[in-house]
């Protein structure tokens, strides 16, 4: 991104649940994902794909997503990008 030195770009994976999903279900899902990220085979596969596994958890991931929306919306505005 040499043309936009103030911006960084990365890729990642996340799991989202519909609004209103009960807390018990969200917690079970979060625990299952955390368990997967302790599995050597899963971690190895993610590394092979160039990923560095990390777990933000629901609240932190929500904050990350909000920051990303703000950051990319700013880039779209500043670059004058529009849908055709």
PDB file of N, CA and C in Angstrom:
ATOM      1  N   UNK A   1       0.828  -1.182   0.000  1.00  0.00           N
ATOM      2  CA  UNK A   1       0.000   0.000   0.000  1.00  0.00           C
ATOM      3  C   UNK A   1       0.875   1.248   0.000  1.00  0.00           C
ATOM      4  N   UNK A   2       1.836   1.283  -0.896  1.00  0.00           N
ATOM      5  CA  UNK A   2       2.767   2.396  -0.958  1.00  0.00           C
ATOM      6  C   UNK A   2       2.051   3.728  -1.220  1.00  0.00           C
ATOM      7  N   UNK A   3       0.950   3.699  -1.953  1.00  0.00           N
ATOM      8  CA  UNK A   3       0.228   4.927  -2.258  1.00  0.00           C
ATOM      9  C   UNK A   3      -0.524   5.470  -1.045  1.00  0.00           C
ATOM     10  N   UNK A   4      -0.737   4.630  -0.040  1.00  0.00           N
ATOM     11  CA  UNK A   4      -1.449   5.036   1.167  1.00  0.00           C
ATOM     12  C   UNK A   4      -0.633   4.637   2.396  1.00  0.00           C
ATOM     13  N   UNK A   5       0.487   5.296   2.628  1.00  0.00           N
ATOM     14  CA  UNK A   5       1.389   4.871   3.697  1.00  0.00           C
ATOM     15  C   UNK A   5       0.784   4.936   5.101  1.00  0.00           C
ATOM     16  N   UNK A   6      -0.236   5.736   5.308  1.00  0.00           N
ATOM     17  CA  UNK A   6      -0.830   5.854   6.642  1.00  0.00           C
ATOM     18  C   UNK A   6      -1.807   4.717   6.948  1.00  0.00           C
ATOM     19  N   UNK A   7      -2.028   3.846   5.973  1.00  0.00           N
ATOM     20  CA  UNK A   7      -2.991   2.775   6.166  1.00  0.00           C
ATOM     21  C   UNK A   7      -2.302   1.428   6.221  1.00  0.00           C
ATOM     22  N   UNK A   8      -2.847   0.549   7.030  1.00  0.00           N
ATOM     23  CA  UNK A   8      -2.375  -0.824   7.089  1.00  0.00           C
ATOM     24  C   UNK A   8      -3.544  -1.713   6.698  1.00  0.00           C
ATOM     25  N   UNK A   9      -3.221  -2.866   6.212  1.00  0.00           N
ATOM     26  CA  UNK A   9      -4.253  -3.817   5.807  1.00  0.00           C
ATOM     27  C   UNK A   9      -3.862  -5.195   6.304  1.00  0.00           C
ATOM     28  N   UNK A  10      -4.827  -5.924   6.770  1.00  0.00           N
ATOM     29  CA  UNK A  10      -4.580  -7.288   7.215  1.00  0.00           C
ATOM     30  C   UNK A  10      -5.828  -8.113   6.942  1.00  0.00           C
ATOM     31  N   UNK A  11      -5.667  -9.399   7.037  1.00  0.00           N
ATOM     32  CA  UNK A  11      -6.802 -10.297   6.837  1.00  0.00           C
ATOM     33  C   UNK A  11      -6.968 -11.130   8.093  1.00  0.00           C
ATOM     34  N   UNK A  12      -8.157 -11.573   8.334  1.00  0.00           N
ATOM     35  CA  UNK A  12      -8.396 -12.387   9.513  1.00  0.00           C
ATOM     36  C   UNK A  12      -9.690 -13.159   9.381  1.00  0.00           C
ATOM     37  N   UNK A  13      -9.916 -13.975  10.372  1.00  0.00           N
ATOM     38  CA  UNK A  13     -11.137 -14.763  10.449  1.00  0.00           C
ATOM     39  C   UNK A  13     -11.901 -14.344  11.686  1.00  0.00           C
ATOM     40  N   UNK A  14     -13.194 -14.397  11.620  1.00  0.00           N
ATOM     41  CA  UNK A  14     -14.023 -14.110  12.782  1.00  0.00           C
ATOM     42  C   UNK A  14     -15.312 -14.890  12.672  1.00  0.00           C
ATOM     43  N   UNK A  15     -15.933 -15.121  13.784  1.00  0.00           N
ATOM     44  CA  UNK A  15     -17.210 -15.811  13.816  1.00  0.00           C
ATOM     45  C   UNK A  15     -18.231 -14.849  14.405  1.00  0.00           C
ATOM     46  N   UNK A  16     -19.323 -14.673  13.702  1.00  0.00           N
ATOM     47  CA  UNK A  16     -20.379 -13.761  14.133  1.00  0.00           C
ATOM     48  C   UNK A  16     -21.654 -14.554  14.381  1.00  0.00           C
ATOM     49  N   UNK A  17     -22.455 -14.066  15.293  1.00  0.00           N
ATOM     50  CA  UNK A  17     -23.752 -14.673  15.578  1.00  0.00           C
ATOM     51  C   UNK A  17     -24.816 -13.600  15.384  1.00  0.00           C
ATOM     52  N   UNK A  18     -26.012 -14.009  15.048  1.00  0.00           N
ATOM     53  CA  UNK A  18     -27.081 -13.018  14.864  1.00  0.00           C
ATOM     54  C   UNK A  18     -27.355 -12.225  16.141  1.00  0.00           C
ATOM     55  N   UNK A  19     -27.748 -10.973  15.967  1.00  0.00           N
ATOM     56  CA  UNK A  19     -28.133 -10.147  17.100  1.00  0.00           C
ATOM     57  C   UNK A  19     -29.237 -10.874  17.871  1.00  0.00           C
ATOM     58  N   UNK A  20     -29.136 -10.836  19.170  1.00  0.00           N
ATOM     59  CA  UNK A  20     -30.146 -11.486  19.988  1.00  0.00           C
ATOM     60  C   UNK A  20     -29.827 -12.932  20.341  1.00  0.00           C
ATOM     61  N   UNK A  21     -28.689 -13.442  19.855  1.00  0.00           N
ATOM     62  CA  UNK A  21     -28.292 -14.806  20.217  1.00  0.00           C
ATOM     63  C   UNK A  21     -28.092 -14.849  21.733  1.00  0.00           C
ATOM     64  N   UNK A  22     -28.710 -15.817  22.412  1.00  0.00           N
ATOM     65  CA  UNK A  22     -28.584 -15.878  23.870  1.00  0.00           C
ATOM     66  C   UNK A  22     -27.129 -15.949  24.330  1.00  0.00           C
ATOM     67  N   UNK A  23     -26.859 -15.324  25.483  1.00  0.00           N
ATOM     68  CA  UNK A  23     -25.503 -15.281  26.044  1.00  0.00           C
ATOM     69  C   UNK A  23     -24.940 -16.683  26.238  1.00  0.00           C
ATOM     70  N   UNK A  24     -25.764 -17.631  26.664  1.00  0.00           N
ATOM     71  CA  UNK A  24     -25.290 -19.006  26.875  1.00  0.00           C
ATOM     72  C   UNK A  24     -24.758 -19.607  25.578  1.00  0.00           C
ATOM     73  N   UNK A  25     -25.452 -19.368  24.488  1.00  0.00           N
ATOM     74  CA  UNK A  25     -25.017 -19.891  23.177  1.00  0.00           C
ATOM     75  C   UNK A  25     -23.727 -19.205  22.745  1.00  0.00           C
ATOM     76  N   UNK A  26     -23.653 -17.885  22.912  1.00  0.00           N
ATOM     77  CA  UNK A  26     -22.426 -17.160  22.548  1.00  0.00           C
ATOM     78  C   UNK A  26     -21.243 -17.662  23.359  1.00  0.00           C
ATOM     79  N   UNK A  27     -21.458 -17.902  24.649  1.00  0.00           N
ATOM     80  CA  UNK A  27     -20.372 -18.410  25.504  1.00  0.00           C
ATOM     81  C   UNK A  27     -19.925 -19.796  25.075  1.00  0.00           C
ATOM     82  N   UNK A  28     -20.872 -20.669  24.746  1.00  0.00           N
ATOM     83  CA  UNK A  28     -20.515 -22.016  24.290  1.00  0.00           C
ATOM     84  C   UNK A  28     -19.711 -21.952  23.001  1.00  0.00           C
ATOM     85  N   UNK A  29     -20.138 -21.095  22.093  1.00  0.00           N
ATOM     86  CA  UNK A  29     -19.427 -20.935  20.826  1.00  0.00           C
ATOM     87  C   UNK A  29     -18.021 -20.401  21.064  1.00  0.00           C
ATOM     88  N   UNK A  30     -17.894 -19.415  21.933  1.00  0.00           N
ATOM     89  CA  UNK A  30     -16.581 -18.840  22.223  1.00  0.00           C
ATOM     90  C   UNK A  30     -15.650 -19.885  22.846  1.00  0.00           C
ATOM     91  N   UNK A  31     -16.175 -20.696  23.755  1.00  0.00           N
ATOM     92  CA  UNK A  31     -15.353 -21.756  24.372  1.00  0.00           C
ATOM     93  C   UNK A  31     -14.923 -22.787  23.325  1.00  0.00           C
ATOM     94  N   UNK A  32     -15.832 -23.150  22.424  1.00  0.00           N
ATOM     95  CA  UNK A  32     -15.505 -24.135  21.383  1.00  0.00           C
ATOM     96  C   UNK A  32     -14.403 -23.605  20.469  1.00  0.00           C
ATOM     97  N   UNK A  33     -14.481 -22.333  20.127  1.00  0.00           N
ATOM     98  CA  UNK A  33     -13.450 -21.729  19.278  1.00  0.00           C
ATOM     99  C   UNK A  33     -12.117 -21.688  20.029  1.00  0.00           C
ATOM    100  N   UNK A  34     -12.160 -21.316  21.312  1.00  0.00           N
ATOM    101  CA  UNK A  34     -10.940 -21.286  22.118  1.00  0.00           C
ATOM    102  C   UNK A  34     -10.319 -22.678  22.170  1.00  0.00           C
ATOM    103  N   UNK A  35     -11.148 -23.713  22.320  1.00  0.00           N
ATOM    104  CA  UNK A  35     -10.647 -25.086  22.332  1.00  0.00           C
ATOM    105  C   UNK A  35      -9.971 -25.431  21.007  1.00  0.00           C
ATOM    106  N   UNK A  36     -10.572 -25.017  19.910  1.00  0.00           N
ATOM    107  CA  UNK A  36      -9.978 -25.287  18.589  1.00  0.00           C
ATOM    108  C   UNK A  36      -8.604 -24.643  18.468  1.00  0.00           C
ATOM    109  N   UNK A  37      -8.468 -23.463  19.035  1.00  0.00           N
ATOM    110  CA  UNK A  37      -7.192 -22.748  18.920  1.00  0.00           C
ATOM    111  C   UNK A  37      -6.109 -23.309  19.833  1.00  0.00           C
ATOM    112  N   UNK A  38      -6.442 -24.337  20.613  1.00  0.00           N
ATOM    113  CA  UNK A  38      -5.418 -25.039  21.387  1.00  0.00           C
ATOM    114  C   UNK A  38      -5.055 -26.367  20.730  1.00  0.00           C
ATOM    115  N   UNK A  39      -5.754 -26.704  19.652  1.00  0.00           N
ATOM    116  CA  UNK A  39      -5.497 -27.950  18.930  1.00  0.00           C
ATOM    117  C   UNK A  39      -4.286 -27.755  18.020  1.00  0.00           C
ATOM    118  N   UNK A  40      -3.256 -28.577  18.223  1.00  0.00           N
ATOM    119  CA  UNK A  40      -2.007 -28.437  17.466  1.00  0.00           C
ATOM    120  C   UNK A  40      -2.244 -28.493  15.958  1.00  0.00           C
ATOM    121  N   UNK A  41      -3.108 -29.391  15.506  1.00  0.00           N
ATOM    122  CA  UNK A  41      -3.360 -29.532  14.067  1.00  0.00           C
ATOM    123  C   UNK A  41      -4.015 -28.272  13.490  1.00  0.00           C
ATOM    124  N   UNK A  42      -4.928 -27.678  14.247  1.00  0.00           N
ATOM    125  CA  UNK A  42      -5.587 -26.454  13.785  1.00  0.00           C
ATOM    126  C   UNK A  42      -4.578 -25.316  13.708  1.00  0.00           C
ATOM    127  N   UNK A  43      -3.787 -25.159  14.753  1.00  0.00           N
ATOM    128  CA  UNK A  43      -2.782 -24.092  14.787  1.00  0.00           C
ATOM    129  C   UNK A  43      -1.773 -24.283  13.657  1.00  0.00           C
ATOM    130  N   UNK A  44      -1.341 -25.528  13.457  1.00  0.00           N
ATOM    131  CA  UNK A  44      -0.389 -25.816  12.374  1.00  0.00           C
ATOM    132  C   UNK A  44      -0.982 -25.420  11.020  1.00  0.00           C
ATOM    133  N   UNK A  45      -2.233 -25.769  10.800  1.00  0.00           N
ATOM    134  CA  UNK A  45      -2.882 -25.443   9.520  1.00  0.00           C
ATOM    135  C   UNK A  45      -2.995 -23.929   9.340  1.00  0.00           C
ATOM    136  N   UNK A  46      -3.362 -23.234  10.387  1.00  0.00           N
ATOM    137  CA  UNK A  46      -3.449 -21.779  10.295  1.00  0.00           C
ATOM    138  C   UNK A  46      -2.087 -21.176   9.974  1.00  0.00           C
ATOM    139  N   UNK A  47      -1.039 -21.685  10.611  1.00  0.00           N
ATOM    140  CA  UNK A  47       0.319 -21.202  10.309  1.00  0.00           C
ATOM    141  C   UNK A  47       0.685 -21.470   8.853  1.00  0.00           C
ATOM    142  N   UNK A  48       0.303 -22.644   8.340  1.00  0.00           N
ATOM    143  CA  UNK A  48       0.574 -22.968   6.937  1.00  0.00           C
ATOM    144  C   UNK A  48      -0.117 -21.988   5.989  1.00  0.00           C
ATOM    145  N   UNK A  49      -1.243 -21.461   6.431  1.00  0.00           N
ATOM    146  CA  UNK A  49      -1.990 -20.489   5.623  1.00  0.00           C
ATOM    147  C   UNK A  49      -1.477 -19.058   5.819  1.00  0.00           C
ATOM    148  N   UNK A  50      -0.454 -18.923   6.667  1.00  0.00           N
ATOM    149  CA  UNK A  50       0.116 -17.600   6.914  1.00  0.00           C
ATOM    150  C   UNK A  50      -0.588 -16.827   8.010  1.00  0.00           C
ATOM    151  N   UNK A  51      -1.433 -17.507   8.776  1.00  0.00           N
ATOM    152  CA  UNK A  51      -2.192 -16.842   9.831  1.00  0.00           C
ATOM    153  C   UNK A  51      -1.506 -17.030  11.181  1.00  0.00           C
ATOM    154  N   UNK A  52      -1.697 -16.062  12.042  1.00  0.00           N
ATOM    155  CA  UNK A  52      -1.209 -16.147  13.414  1.00  0.00           C
ATOM    156  C   UNK A  52      -2.442 -16.191  14.314  1.00  0.00           C
ATOM    157  N   UNK A  53      -2.769 -17.364  14.834  1.00  0.00           N
ATOM    158  CA  UNK A  53      -3.993 -17.501  15.633  1.00  0.00           C
ATOM    159  C   UNK A  53      -3.984 -16.616  16.876  1.00  0.00           C
ATOM    160  N   UNK A  54      -5.106 -15.996  17.113  1.00  0.00           N
ATOM    161  CA  UNK A  54      -5.310 -15.226  18.338  1.00  0.00           C
ATOM    162  C   UNK A  54      -6.800 -15.247  18.637  1.00  0.00           C
ATOM    163  N   UNK A  55      -7.140 -14.963  19.855  1.00  0.00           N
ATOM    164  CA  UNK A  55      -8.542 -14.998  20.255  1.00  0.00           C
ATOM    165  C   UNK A  55      -8.871 -13.697  20.959  1.00  0.00           C
ATOM    166  N   UNK A  56      -9.743 -12.917  20.357  1.00  0.00           N
ATOM    167  CA  UNK A  56     -10.124 -11.650  20.960  1.00  0.00           C
ATOM    168  C   UNK A  56     -11.306 -11.801  21.911  1.00  0.00           C
ATOM    169  N   UNK A  57     -12.161 -12.753  21.691  1.00  0.00           N
ATOM    170  CA  UNK A  57     -13.374 -12.854  22.499  1.00  0.00           C
ATOM    171  C   UNK A  57     -14.419 -11.889  21.974  1.00  0.00           C
ATOM    172  N   UNK A  58     -15.647 -12.114  22.357  1.00  0.00           N
ATOM    173  CA  UNK A  58     -16.777 -11.360  21.808  1.00  0.00           C
ATOM    174  C   UNK A  58     -16.695  -9.853  21.938  1.00  0.00           C
ATOM    175  N   UNK A  59     -16.450  -9.362  23.136  1.00  0.00           N
ATOM    176  CA  UNK A  59     -16.426  -7.913  23.362  1.00  0.00           C
ATOM    177  C   UNK A  59     -15.269  -7.256  22.628  1.00  0.00           C
ATOM    178  N   UNK A  60     -14.091  -7.831  22.752  1.00  0.00           N
ATOM    179  CA  UNK A  60     -12.918  -7.252  22.076  1.00  0.00           C
ATOM    180  C   UNK A  60     -13.060  -7.346  20.563  1.00  0.00           C
ATOM    181  N   UNK A  61     -13.607  -8.461  20.064  1.00  0.00           N
ATOM    182  CA  UNK A  61     -13.794  -8.597  18.623  1.00  0.00           C
ATOM    183  C   UNK A  61     -14.800  -7.566  18.117  1.00  0.00           C
ATOM    184  N   UNK A  62     -15.861  -7.334  18.878  1.00  0.00           N
ATOM    185  CA  UNK A  62     -16.835  -6.305  18.500  1.00  0.00           C
ATOM    186  C   UNK A  62     -16.190  -4.940  18.413  1.00  0.00           C
ATOM    187  N   UNK A  63     -15.315  -4.631  19.368  1.00  0.00           N
ATOM    188  CA  UNK A  63     -14.592  -3.358  19.332  1.00  0.00           C
ATOM    189  C   UNK A  63     -13.670  -3.265  18.134  1.00  0.00           C
ATOM    190  N   UNK A  64     -12.985  -4.364  17.834  1.00  0.00           N
ATOM    191  CA  UNK A  64     -12.107  -4.413  16.666  1.00  0.00           C
ATOM    192  C   UNK A  64     -12.906  -4.146  15.382  1.00  0.00           C
ATOM    193  N   UNK A  65     -14.060  -4.797  15.267  1.00  0.00           N
ATOM    194  CA  UNK A  65     -14.889  -4.609  14.068  1.00  0.00           C
ATOM    195  C   UNK A  65     -15.356  -3.149  13.948  1.00  0.00           C
ATOM    196  N   UNK A  66     -15.731  -2.540  15.059  1.00  0.00           N
ATOM    197  CA  UNK A  66     -16.159  -1.137  15.032  1.00  0.00           C
ATOM    198  C   UNK A  66     -15.010  -0.233  14.586  1.00  0.00           C
ATOM    199  N   UNK A  67     -13.806  -0.482  15.104  1.00  0.00           N
ATOM    200  CA  UNK A  67     -12.636   0.298  14.694  1.00  0.00           C
ATOM    201  C   UNK A  67     -12.354   0.128  13.204  1.00  0.00           C
ATOM    202  N   UNK A  68     -12.472  -1.096  12.717  1.00  0.00           N
ATOM    203  CA  UNK A  68     -12.230  -1.354  11.293  1.00  0.00           C
ATOM    204  C   UNK A  68     -13.249  -0.624  10.422  1.00  0.00           C
ATOM    205  N   UNK A  69     -14.526  -0.657  10.811  1.00  0.00           N
ATOM    206  CA  UNK A  69     -15.555   0.056  10.032  1.00  0.00           C
ATOM    207  C   UNK A  69     -15.223   1.543   9.964  1.00  0.00           C
ATOM    208  N   UNK A  70     -14.844   2.134  11.088  1.00  0.00           N
ATOM    209  CA  UNK A  70     -14.503   3.558  11.132  1.00  0.00           C
ATOM    210  C   UNK A  70     -13.291   3.851  10.249  1.00  0.00           C
ATOM    211  N   UNK A  71     -12.269   3.020  10.389  1.00  0.00           N
ATOM    212  CA  UNK A  71     -11.026   3.237   9.634  1.00  0.00           C
ATOM    213  C   UNK A  71     -11.257   3.145   8.133  1.00  0.00           C
ATOM    214  N   UNK A  72     -11.965   2.104   7.698  1.00  0.00           N
ATOM    215  CA  UNK A  72     -12.174   1.923   6.268  1.00  0.00           C
ATOM    216  C   UNK A  72     -13.178   2.921   5.705  1.00  0.00           C
ATOM    217  N   UNK A  73     -14.150   3.343   6.497  1.00  0.00           N
ATOM    218  CA  UNK A  73     -15.095   4.370   6.034  1.00  0.00           C
ATOM    219  C   UNK A  73     -14.345   5.671   5.762  1.00  0.00           C
ATOM    220  N   UNK A  74     -13.384   5.976   6.623  1.00  0.00           N
ATOM    221  CA  UNK A  74     -12.572   7.180   6.424  1.00  0.00           C
ATOM    222  C   UNK A  74     -11.779   7.093   5.119  1.00  0.00           C
ATOM    223  N   UNK A  75     -11.168   5.952   4.864  1.00  0.00           N
ATOM    224  CA  UNK A  75     -10.412   5.775   3.625  1.00  0.00           C
ATOM    225  C   UNK A  75     -11.311   5.948   2.407  1.00  0.00           C
ATOM    226  N   UNK A  76     -12.499   5.359   2.459  1.00  0.00           N
ATOM    227  CA  UNK A  76     -13.444   5.470   1.346  1.00  0.00           C
ATOM    228  C   UNK A  76     -13.815   6.928   1.116  1.00  0.00           C
ATOM    229  N   UNK A  77     -14.107   7.664   2.192  1.00  0.00           N
ATOM    230  CA  UNK A  77     -14.439   9.089   2.055  1.00  0.00           C
ATOM    231  C   UNK A  77     -13.282   9.876   1.489  1.00  0.00           C
ATOM    232  N   UNK A  78     -12.087   9.709   2.074  1.00  0.00           N
ATOM    233  CA  UNK A  78     -10.919  10.483   1.631  1.00  0.00           C
ATOM    234  C   UNK A  78     -10.519  10.171   0.201  1.00  0.00           C
ATOM    235  N   UNK A  79     -10.710   8.945  -0.231  1.00  0.00           N
ATOM    236  CA  UNK A  79     -10.353   8.571  -1.591  1.00  0.00           C
ATOM    237  C   UNK A  79     -11.466   8.862  -2.596  1.00  0.00           C
ATOM    238  N   UNK A  80     -12.630   9.274  -2.098  1.00  0.00           N
ATOM    239  CA  UNK A  80     -13.745   9.564  -2.982  1.00  0.00           C
ATOM    240  C   UNK A  80     -14.298   8.335  -3.670  1.00  0.00           C
ATOM    241  N   UNK A  81     -14.214   7.193  -3.013  1.00  0.00           N
ATOM    242  CA  UNK A  81     -14.693   5.944  -3.586  1.00  0.00           C
ATOM    243  C   UNK A  81     -16.208   5.894  -3.508  1.00  0.00           C
ATOM    244  N   UNK A  82     -16.831   5.460  -4.606  1.00  0.00           N
ATOM    245  CA  UNK A  82     -18.290   5.312  -4.606  1.00  0.00           C
ATOM    246  C   UNK A  82     -18.669   4.055  -5.380  1.00  0.00           C
ATOM    247  N   UNK A  83     -19.859   3.594  -5.127  1.00  0.00           N
ATOM    248  CA  UNK A  83     -20.389   2.429  -5.817  1.00  0.00           C
ATOM    249  C   UNK A  83     -20.957   2.876  -7.156  1.00  0.00           C
ATOM    250  N   UNK A  84     -20.626   2.132  -8.191  1.00  0.00           N
ATOM    251  CA  UNK A  84     -21.149   2.480  -9.522  1.00  0.00           C
ATOM    252  C   UNK A  84     -22.207   1.515  -9.944  1.00  0.00           C
TER     253      UNK A  84
END
